Amino acid sequence: MASVSYQTRRDEIETYFDRTAADAWAALTSDAPVSRIRRTVRRGRDAMRETLLSWLPEDLTGSTLIDAGCGTGVLAIEAAQRGAEVVAVDLSPTLVNLARERFRQLDQDLDVTFLVGDMREMDLGSFDYAVAMDSLIHYDVADGVQTLQAMAEQIQRKMVFTFAPKTPLLALMHATGRLFPRGDRAPSIEPVSPARLGRQLEDAGMMQAWETGQSHRIDVGFYKSHAMELTRR
């Protein structure tokens, strides 16, 4: 059952991406001109997406993948172009509709299904792989781990995801970020150290069935995110 804090934060995130910043994120995930701050975020996100996809097989033909927190669908489409059958889920109807429209405009024979919903609460069947890029970073570490637990029940091979690394510089940047115009503000995040995240995964009992693999931090301007790989034993 979702905690009160999880439900509250989920509602805040949905409102942010569905209303407050929908246009900004549409521009960020396109080739449209954006502010200097958002250009660094775009470069960082591109690098992170490339990292996560590099941890999956180059040829995903015959594999199934869930993109949890798919946003405008960039990663989902790239995974499908490598042969995967993809289900892409996001809280924001606005972003999912944009993802569907961009997918239609590609006019490619790819297997992608875009859905609106909470990745933690949707029973969509079994998948080989799960990707959660910058979708868990907005939640308290305990809630984030509970989401990974819920997803893990449906994943047979590997999960790759990101968290916000807890560093003094990141804390300072997010504090000063409140000085920037609303269009350049990021939604609230919950930084966590890799050590604490590891302890939370252990305490939750996840490491009995999963083992940690690659780990990589992307640090580009105002984009700072850390990727982790979990592989089923």
C-alpha atoms as a PDB file:
ATOM      1  CA  MET A   1       0.000   0.000   0.000  1.00  0.00           C
ATOM      2  CA  ALA A   2       1.331   3.455  -0.906  1.00  0.00           C
ATOM      3  CA  SER A   3       2.319   5.670   2.007  1.00  0.00           C
ATOM      4  CA  VAL A   4       0.800   9.102   2.518  1.00  0.00           C
ATOM      5  CA  SER A   5       4.151  10.699   1.646  1.00  0.00           C
ATOM      6  CA  TYR A   6       4.339   8.684  -1.565  1.00  0.00           C
ATOM      7  CA  GLN A   7       0.815   9.629  -2.623  1.00  0.00           C
ATOM      8  CA  THR A   8       1.422  13.303  -1.836  1.00  0.00           C
ATOM      9  CA  ARG A   9       4.674  13.414  -3.784  1.00  0.00           C
ATOM     10  CA  ARG A  10       3.134  11.465  -6.673  1.00  0.00           C
ATOM     11  CA  ASP A  11       0.353  14.052  -6.953  1.00  0.00           C
ATOM     12  CA  GLU A  12       2.913  16.888  -6.891  1.00  0.00           C
ATOM     13  CA  ILE A  13       4.977  15.261  -9.643  1.00  0.00           C
ATOM     14  CA  GLU A  14       1.933  14.610 -11.801  1.00  0.00           C
ATOM     15  CA  THR A  15       0.866  18.253 -11.480  1.00  0.00           C
ATOM     16  CA  TYR A  16       4.366  19.508 -12.286  1.00  0.00           C
ATOM     17  CA  PHE A  17       4.855  17.445 -15.437  1.00  0.00           C
ATOM     18  CA  ASP A  18       1.232  17.562 -16.562  1.00  0.00           C
ATOM     19  CA  ARG A  19       0.639  21.296 -16.103  1.00  0.00           C
ATOM     20  CA  THR A  20       3.389  23.512 -14.738  1.00  0.00           C
ATOM     21  CA  ALA A  21       6.260  22.343 -16.916  1.00  0.00           C
ATOM     22  CA  ALA A  22       4.669  20.345 -19.732  1.00  0.00           C
ATOM     23  CA  ASP A  23       5.714  22.829 -22.420  1.00  0.00           C
ATOM     24  CA  ALA A  24       9.218  23.149 -20.987  1.00  0.00           C
ATOM     25  CA  TRP A  25       9.712  19.380 -21.004  1.00  0.00           C
ATOM     26  CA  ALA A  26       8.325  19.094 -24.502  1.00  0.00           C
ATOM     27  CA  ALA A  27      11.001  21.569 -25.624  1.00  0.00           C
ATOM     28  CA  LEU A  28      13.732  19.956 -23.518  1.00  0.00           C
ATOM     29  CA  THR A  29      13.182  16.566 -25.157  1.00  0.00           C
ATOM     30  CA  SER A  30      13.194  17.980 -28.681  1.00  0.00           C
ATOM     31  CA  ASP A  31      15.636  19.982 -30.805  1.00  0.00           C
ATOM     32  CA  ALA A  32      13.952  23.261 -29.877  1.00  0.00           C
ATOM     33  CA  PRO A  33      16.061  26.126 -28.469  1.00  0.00           C
ATOM     34  CA  VAL A  34      16.186  26.130 -24.669  1.00  0.00           C
ATOM     35  CA  SER A  35      17.916  28.166 -21.956  1.00  0.00           C
ATOM     36  CA  ARG A  36      21.569  27.646 -21.048  1.00  0.00           C
ATOM     37  CA  ILE A  37      20.541  25.811 -17.899  1.00  0.00           C
ATOM     38  CA  ARG A  38      18.258  23.468 -19.781  1.00  0.00           C
ATOM     39  CA  ARG A  39      20.896  22.825 -22.429  1.00  0.00           C
ATOM     40  CA  THR A  40      23.064  21.257 -19.724  1.00  0.00           C
ATOM     41  CA  VAL A  41      20.093  19.201 -18.549  1.00  0.00           C
ATOM     42  CA  ARG A  42      19.465  18.049 -22.118  1.00  0.00           C
ATOM     43  CA  ARG A  43      23.086  16.982 -22.566  1.00  0.00           C
ATOM     44  CA  GLY A  44      23.055  15.173 -19.244  1.00  0.00           C
ATOM     45  CA  ARG A  45      19.833  13.351 -20.000  1.00  0.00           C
ATOM     46  CA  ASP A  46      21.128  12.301 -23.414  1.00  0.00           C
ATOM     47  CA  ALA A  47      24.267  10.892 -21.777  1.00  0.00           C
ATOM     48  CA  MET A  48      22.254   9.086 -19.110  1.00  0.00           C
ATOM     49  CA  ARG A  49      19.873   7.561 -21.634  1.00  0.00           C
ATOM     50  CA  GLU A  50      22.855   6.319 -23.647  1.00  0.00           C
ATOM     51  CA  THR A  51      24.380   4.835 -20.485  1.00  0.00           C
ATOM     52  CA  LEU A  52      21.260   2.948 -19.438  1.00  0.00           C
ATOM     53  CA  LEU A  53      20.654   1.579 -22.916  1.00  0.00           C
ATOM     54  CA  SER A  54      24.302   0.492 -23.155  1.00  0.00           C
ATOM     55  CA  TRP A  55      23.715  -1.797 -20.163  1.00  0.00           C
ATOM     56  CA  LEU A  56      21.079  -3.690 -22.143  1.00  0.00           C
ATOM     57  CA  PRO A  57      21.784  -6.030 -25.079  1.00  0.00           C
ATOM     58  CA  GLU A  58      22.431  -4.206 -28.337  1.00  0.00           C
ATOM     59  CA  ASP A  59      19.929  -6.500 -30.039  1.00  0.00           C
ATOM     60  CA  LEU A  60      16.702  -6.605 -28.024  1.00  0.00           C
ATOM     61  CA  THR A  61      14.733  -8.583 -30.592  1.00  0.00           C
ATOM     62  CA  GLY A  62      12.307 -10.902 -28.829  1.00  0.00           C
ATOM     63  CA  SER A  63      12.736  -9.114 -25.485  1.00  0.00           C
ATOM     64  CA  THR A  64      10.154  -7.193 -23.495  1.00  0.00           C
ATOM     65  CA  LEU A  65      10.906  -3.956 -21.662  1.00  0.00           C
ATOM     66  CA  ILE A  66       8.999  -1.568 -19.439  1.00  0.00           C
ATOM     67  CA  ASP A  67      10.008   2.099 -19.414  1.00  0.00           C
ATOM     68  CA  ALA A  68       8.813   3.334 -16.025  1.00  0.00           C
ATOM     69  CA  GLY A  69       8.428   7.099 -16.087  1.00  0.00           C
ATOM     70  CA  CYS A  70       8.752   7.344 -19.858  1.00  0.00           C
ATOM     71  CA  GLY A  71       8.086  11.082 -20.219  1.00  0.00           C
ATOM     72  CA  THR A  72       7.964  11.987 -23.903  1.00  0.00           C
ATOM     73  CA  GLY A  73       9.049   8.502 -24.938  1.00  0.00           C
ATOM     74  CA  VAL A  74      12.589   9.027 -26.246  1.00  0.00           C
ATOM     75  CA  LEU A  75      14.132   6.033 -24.465  1.00  0.00           C
ATOM     76  CA  ALA A  76      11.147   3.797 -25.154  1.00  0.00           C
ATOM     77  CA  ILE A  77      11.384   4.464 -28.885  1.00  0.00           C
ATOM     78  CA  GLU A  78      15.139   3.863 -28.951  1.00  0.00           C
ATOM     79  CA  ALA A  79      14.682   0.525 -27.148  1.00  0.00           C
ATOM     80  CA  ALA A  80      11.987  -0.457 -29.670  1.00  0.00           C
ATOM     81  CA  GLN A  81      14.310   0.476 -32.527  1.00  0.00           C
ATOM     82  CA  ARG A  82      16.695  -2.133 -31.115  1.00  0.00           C
ATOM     83  CA  GLY A  83      13.953  -4.745 -31.370  1.00  0.00           C
ATOM     84  CA  ALA A  84      12.261  -4.698 -27.961  1.00  0.00           C
ATOM     85  CA  GLU A  85       8.550  -4.927 -27.343  1.00  0.00           C
ATOM     86  CA  VAL A  86       8.093  -1.902 -25.090  1.00  0.00           C
ATOM     87  CA  VAL A  87       5.446  -0.776 -22.633  1.00  0.00           C
ATOM     88  CA  ALA A  88       6.053   2.834 -21.583  1.00  0.00           C
ATOM     89  CA  VAL A  89       4.273   4.282 -18.531  1.00  0.00           C
ATOM     90  CA  ASP A  90       4.106   7.780 -17.068  1.00  0.00           C
ATOM     91  CA  LEU A  91       1.974   9.655 -14.540  1.00  0.00           C
ATOM     92  CA  SER A  92       1.440  12.612 -16.873  1.00  0.00           C
ATOM     93  CA  PRO A  93      -1.320  12.293 -19.496  1.00  0.00           C
ATOM     94  CA  THR A  94       0.094  15.369 -21.236  1.00  0.00           C
ATOM     95  CA  LEU A  95       3.551  13.842 -21.684  1.00  0.00           C
ATOM     96  CA  VAL A  96       2.154  10.454 -22.676  1.00  0.00           C
ATOM     97  CA  ASN A  97      -0.032  12.084 -25.330  1.00  0.00           C
ATOM     98  CA  LEU A  98       3.020  13.929 -26.629  1.00  0.00           C
ATOM     99  CA  ALA A  99       4.968  10.656 -26.698  1.00  0.00           C
ATOM    100  CA  ARG A 100       2.190   8.984 -28.684  1.00  0.00           C
ATOM    101  CA  GLU A 101       2.108  11.854 -31.170  1.00  0.00           C
ATOM    102  CA  ARG A 102       5.873  11.817 -31.679  1.00  0.00           C
ATOM    103  CA  PHE A 103       5.757   8.054 -32.091  1.00  0.00           C
ATOM    104  CA  ARG A 104       3.053   8.332 -34.763  1.00  0.00           C
ATOM    105  CA  GLN A 105       5.079  10.944 -36.620  1.00  0.00           C
ATOM    106  CA  LEU A 106       8.022   8.553 -36.859  1.00  0.00           C
ATOM    107  CA  ASP A 107       5.909   6.215 -38.994  1.00  0.00           C
ATOM    108  CA  GLN A 108       8.096   3.235 -38.122  1.00  0.00           C
ATOM    109  CA  ASP A 109       6.984  -0.334 -37.532  1.00  0.00           C
ATOM    110  CA  LEU A 110       7.872  -0.489 -33.844  1.00  0.00           C
ATOM    111  CA  ASP A 111       6.161  -2.222 -30.927  1.00  0.00           C
ATOM    112  CA  VAL A 112       5.563   0.479 -28.309  1.00  0.00           C
ATOM    113  CA  THR A 113       2.527   0.904 -26.081  1.00  0.00           C
ATOM    114  CA  PHE A 114       2.223   4.159 -24.109  1.00  0.00           C
ATOM    115  CA  LEU A 115       0.098   4.109 -20.954  1.00  0.00           C
ATOM    116  CA  VAL A 116      -0.850   6.618 -18.263  1.00  0.00           C
ATOM    117  CA  GLY A 117      -0.455   5.330 -14.723  1.00  0.00           C
ATOM    118  CA  ASP A 118       1.672   4.663 -11.666  1.00  0.00           C
ATOM    119  CA  MET A 119       4.496   2.240 -12.398  1.00  0.00           C
ATOM    120  CA  ARG A 120       4.218   0.924  -8.830  1.00  0.00           C
ATOM    121  CA  GLU A 121       0.561  -0.031  -9.040  1.00  0.00           C
ATOM    122  CA  MET A 122       0.167  -1.409 -12.567  1.00  0.00           C
ATOM    123  CA  ASP A 123       0.120  -5.163 -13.153  1.00  0.00           C
ATOM    124  CA  LEU A 124       1.222  -5.362 -16.751  1.00  0.00           C
ATOM    125  CA  GLY A 125       2.606  -8.889 -16.784  1.00  0.00           C
ATOM    126  CA  SER A 126       6.183 -10.077 -17.055  1.00  0.00           C
ATOM    127  CA  PHE A 127       9.086  -8.213 -18.683  1.00  0.00           C
ATOM    128  CA  ASP A 128      12.685  -9.090 -19.356  1.00  0.00           C
ATOM    129  CA  TYR A 129      13.975  -5.594 -18.594  1.00  0.00           C
ATOM    130  CA  ALA A 130      12.915  -2.458 -16.748  1.00  0.00           C
ATOM    131  CA  VAL A 131      14.279   1.047 -17.121  1.00  0.00           C
ATOM    132  CA  ALA A 132      13.452   3.870 -14.702  1.00  0.00           C
ATOM    133  CA  MET A 133      15.387   6.951 -15.773  1.00  0.00           C
ATOM    134  CA  ASP A 134      15.034   9.884 -13.395  1.00  0.00           C
ATOM    135  CA  SER A 135      11.591   8.771 -12.248  1.00  0.00           C
ATOM    136  CA  LEU A 136      12.514   7.522  -8.759  1.00  0.00           C
ATOM    137  CA  ILE A 137      14.638  10.574  -7.935  1.00  0.00           C
ATOM    138  CA  HIS A 138      11.610  12.534  -6.726  1.00  0.00           C
ATOM    139  CA  TYR A 139      10.741  10.122  -3.901  1.00  0.00           C
ATOM    140  CA  ASP A 140      12.108   9.420  -0.450  1.00  0.00           C
ATOM    141  CA  VAL A 141      14.576   6.528  -0.638  1.00  0.00           C
ATOM    142  CA  ALA A 142      12.228   4.172   1.229  1.00  0.00           C
ATOM    143  CA  ASP A 143       9.400   4.899  -1.203  1.00  0.00           C
ATOM    144  CA  GLY A 144      11.785   4.540  -4.143  1.00  0.00           C
ATOM    145  CA  VAL A 145      12.925   1.128  -2.918  1.00  0.00           C
ATOM    146  CA  GLN A 146       9.314   0.030  -2.448  1.00  0.00           C
ATOM    147  CA  THR A 147       8.675   1.000  -6.058  1.00  0.00           C
ATOM    148  CA  LEU A 148      11.659  -1.062  -7.190  1.00  0.00           C
ATOM    149  CA  GLN A 149      10.317  -3.984  -5.154  1.00  0.00           C
ATOM    150  CA  ALA A 150       6.934  -3.723  -6.849  1.00  0.00           C
ATOM    151  CA  MET A 151       8.557  -3.570 -10.280  1.00  0.00           C
ATOM    152  CA  ALA A 152      10.957  -6.423  -9.484  1.00  0.00           C
ATOM    153  CA  GLU A 153       8.087  -8.876  -9.195  1.00  0.00           C
ATOM    154  CA  GLN A 154       7.464  -8.402 -12.922  1.00  0.00           C
ATOM    155  CA  ILE A 155      11.086  -8.337 -14.154  1.00  0.00           C
ATOM    156  CA  GLN A 156      12.933 -11.494 -15.159  1.00  0.00           C
ATOM    157  CA  ARG A 157      16.424 -10.294 -16.096  1.00  0.00           C
ATOM    158  CA  LYS A 158      17.572  -6.784 -15.282  1.00  0.00           C
ATOM    159  CA  MET A 159      16.510  -3.403 -13.922  1.00  0.00           C
ATOM    160  CA  VAL A 160      18.446  -0.211 -14.629  1.00  0.00           C
ATOM    161  CA  PHE A 161      17.481   2.973 -12.851  1.00  0.00           C
ATOM    162  CA  THR A 162      18.775   6.301 -11.592  1.00  0.00           C
ATOM    163  CA  PHE A 163      18.847   8.133  -8.291  1.00  0.00           C
ATOM    164  CA  ALA A 164      19.959  11.619  -7.284  1.00  0.00           C
ATOM    165  CA  PRO A 165      23.420  11.387  -5.684  1.00  0.00           C
ATOM    166  CA  LYS A 166      23.720  13.095  -2.327  1.00  0.00           C
ATOM    167  CA  THR A 167      26.563  15.584  -2.611  1.00  0.00           C
ATOM    168  CA  PRO A 168      27.107  19.026  -1.035  1.00  0.00           C
ATOM    169  CA  LEU A 169      27.304  20.590  -4.497  1.00  0.00           C
ATOM    170  CA  LEU A 170      23.972  19.123  -5.595  1.00  0.00           C
ATOM    171  CA  ALA A 171      22.292  20.368  -2.417  1.00  0.00           C
ATOM    172  CA  LEU A 172      23.697  23.854  -3.011  1.00  0.00           C
ATOM    173  CA  MET A 173      22.675  23.912  -6.670  1.00  0.00           C
ATOM    174  CA  HIS A 174      19.111  22.932  -5.890  1.00  0.00           C
ATOM    175  CA  ALA A 175      18.895  25.535  -3.152  1.00  0.00           C
ATOM    176  CA  THR A 176      20.134  28.312  -5.462  1.00  0.00           C
ATOM    177  CA  GLY A 177      17.966  26.943  -8.268  1.00  0.00           C
ATOM    178  CA  ARG A 178      15.004  28.588  -6.590  1.00  0.00           C
ATOM    179  CA  LEU A 179      16.429  31.900  -7.779  1.00  0.00           C
ATOM    180  CA  PHE A 180      15.906  30.981 -11.414  1.00  0.00           C
ATOM    181  CA  PRO A 181      12.657  31.594 -13.348  1.00  0.00           C
ATOM    182  CA  ARG A 182       9.982  28.961 -12.859  1.00  0.00           C
ATOM    183  CA  GLY A 183      10.564  27.531 -16.320  1.00  0.00           C
ATOM    184  CA  ASP A 184      14.127  26.586 -15.308  1.00  0.00           C
ATOM    185  CA  ARG A 185      13.293  25.009 -11.963  1.00  0.00           C
ATOM    186  CA  ALA A 186      13.522  21.259 -11.579  1.00  0.00           C
ATOM    187  CA  PRO A 187      10.887  19.371  -9.600  1.00  0.00           C
ATOM    188  CA  SER A 188      11.834  18.444  -6.057  1.00  0.00           C
ATOM    189  CA  ILE A 189      14.275  15.574  -5.785  1.00  0.00           C
ATOM    190  CA  GLU A 190      15.441  13.427  -2.885  1.00  0.00           C
ATOM    191  CA  PRO A 191      19.238  12.948  -2.965  1.00  0.00           C
ATOM    192  CA  VAL A 192      20.572   9.736  -1.429  1.00  0.00           C
ATOM    193  CA  SER A 193      24.070   8.328  -1.026  1.00  0.00           C
ATOM    194  CA  PRO A 194      24.882   5.056  -2.813  1.00  0.00           C
ATOM    195  CA  ALA A 195      25.718   3.506   0.573  1.00  0.00           C
ATOM    196  CA  ARG A 196      22.325   4.364   2.048  1.00  0.00           C
ATOM    197  CA  LEU A 197      20.525   3.143  -1.044  1.00  0.00           C
ATOM    198  CA  GLY A 198      22.439  -0.122  -0.835  1.00  0.00           C
ATOM    199  CA  ARG A 199      21.456  -0.558   2.811  1.00  0.00           C
ATOM    200  CA  GLN A 200      17.814   0.123   1.986  1.00  0.00           C
ATOM    201  CA  LEU A 201      17.888  -2.502  -0.774  1.00  0.00           C
ATOM    202  CA  GLU A 202      19.438  -5.004   1.647  1.00  0.00           C
ATOM    203  CA  ASP A 203      16.952  -4.203   4.412  1.00  0.00           C
ATOM    204  CA  ALA A 204      14.070  -4.637   1.976  1.00  0.00           C
ATOM    205  CA  GLY A 205      15.308  -8.138   1.159  1.00  0.00           C
ATOM    206  CA  MET A 206      15.814  -7.374  -2.519  1.00  0.00           C
ATOM    207  CA  MET A 207      19.415  -8.521  -2.660  1.00  0.00           C
ATOM    208  CA  GLN A 208      18.407 -12.119  -2.015  1.00  0.00           C
ATOM    209  CA  ALA A 209      17.136 -12.285  -5.583  1.00  0.00           C
ATOM    210  CA  TRP A 210      19.134  -9.471  -7.211  1.00  0.00           C
ATOM    211  CA  GLU A 211      22.765  -8.435  -7.413  1.00  0.00           C
ATOM    212  CA  THR A 212      24.214  -5.029  -8.148  1.00  0.00           C
ATOM    213  CA  GLY A 213      26.178  -4.508 -11.331  1.00  0.00           C
ATOM    214  CA  GLN A 214      27.432  -1.415 -13.075  1.00  0.00           C
ATOM    215  CA  SER A 215      27.185   2.024 -11.514  1.00  0.00           C
ATOM    216  CA  HIS A 216      27.839   5.341 -13.211  1.00  0.00           C
ATOM    217  CA  ARG A 217      27.325   9.028 -12.401  1.00  0.00           C
ATOM    218  CA  ILE A 218      26.534  11.684 -15.003  1.00  0.00           C
ATOM    219  CA  ASP A 219      27.543  15.212 -14.013  1.00  0.00           C
ATOM    220  CA  VAL A 220      26.823  17.794 -16.697  1.00  0.00           C
ATOM    221  CA  GLY A 221      26.090  21.349 -15.545  1.00  0.00           C
ATOM    222  CA  PHE A 222      22.741  21.319 -13.776  1.00  0.00           C
ATOM    223  CA  TYR A 223      22.160  17.637 -14.504  1.00  0.00           C
ATOM    224  CA  LYS A 224      23.500  15.256 -11.871  1.00  0.00           C
ATOM    225  CA  SER A 225      22.197  11.721 -11.722  1.00  0.00           C
ATOM    226  CA  HIS A 226      23.570   8.295 -10.799  1.00  0.00           C
ATOM    227  CA  ALA A 227      22.730   5.070 -12.643  1.00  0.00           C
ATOM    228  CA  MET A 228      22.609   1.617 -11.074  1.00  0.00           C
ATOM    229  CA  GLU A 229      22.117  -1.860 -12.514  1.00  0.00           C
ATOM    230  CA  LEU A 230      20.364  -4.743 -10.762  1.00  0.00           C
ATOM    231  CA  THR A 231      20.483  -8.213 -12.322  1.00  0.00           C
ATOM    232  CA  ARG A 232      18.371 -11.149 -11.216  1.00  0.00           C
ATOM    233  CA  ARG A 233      20.464 -13.934  -9.637  1.00  0.00           C
END
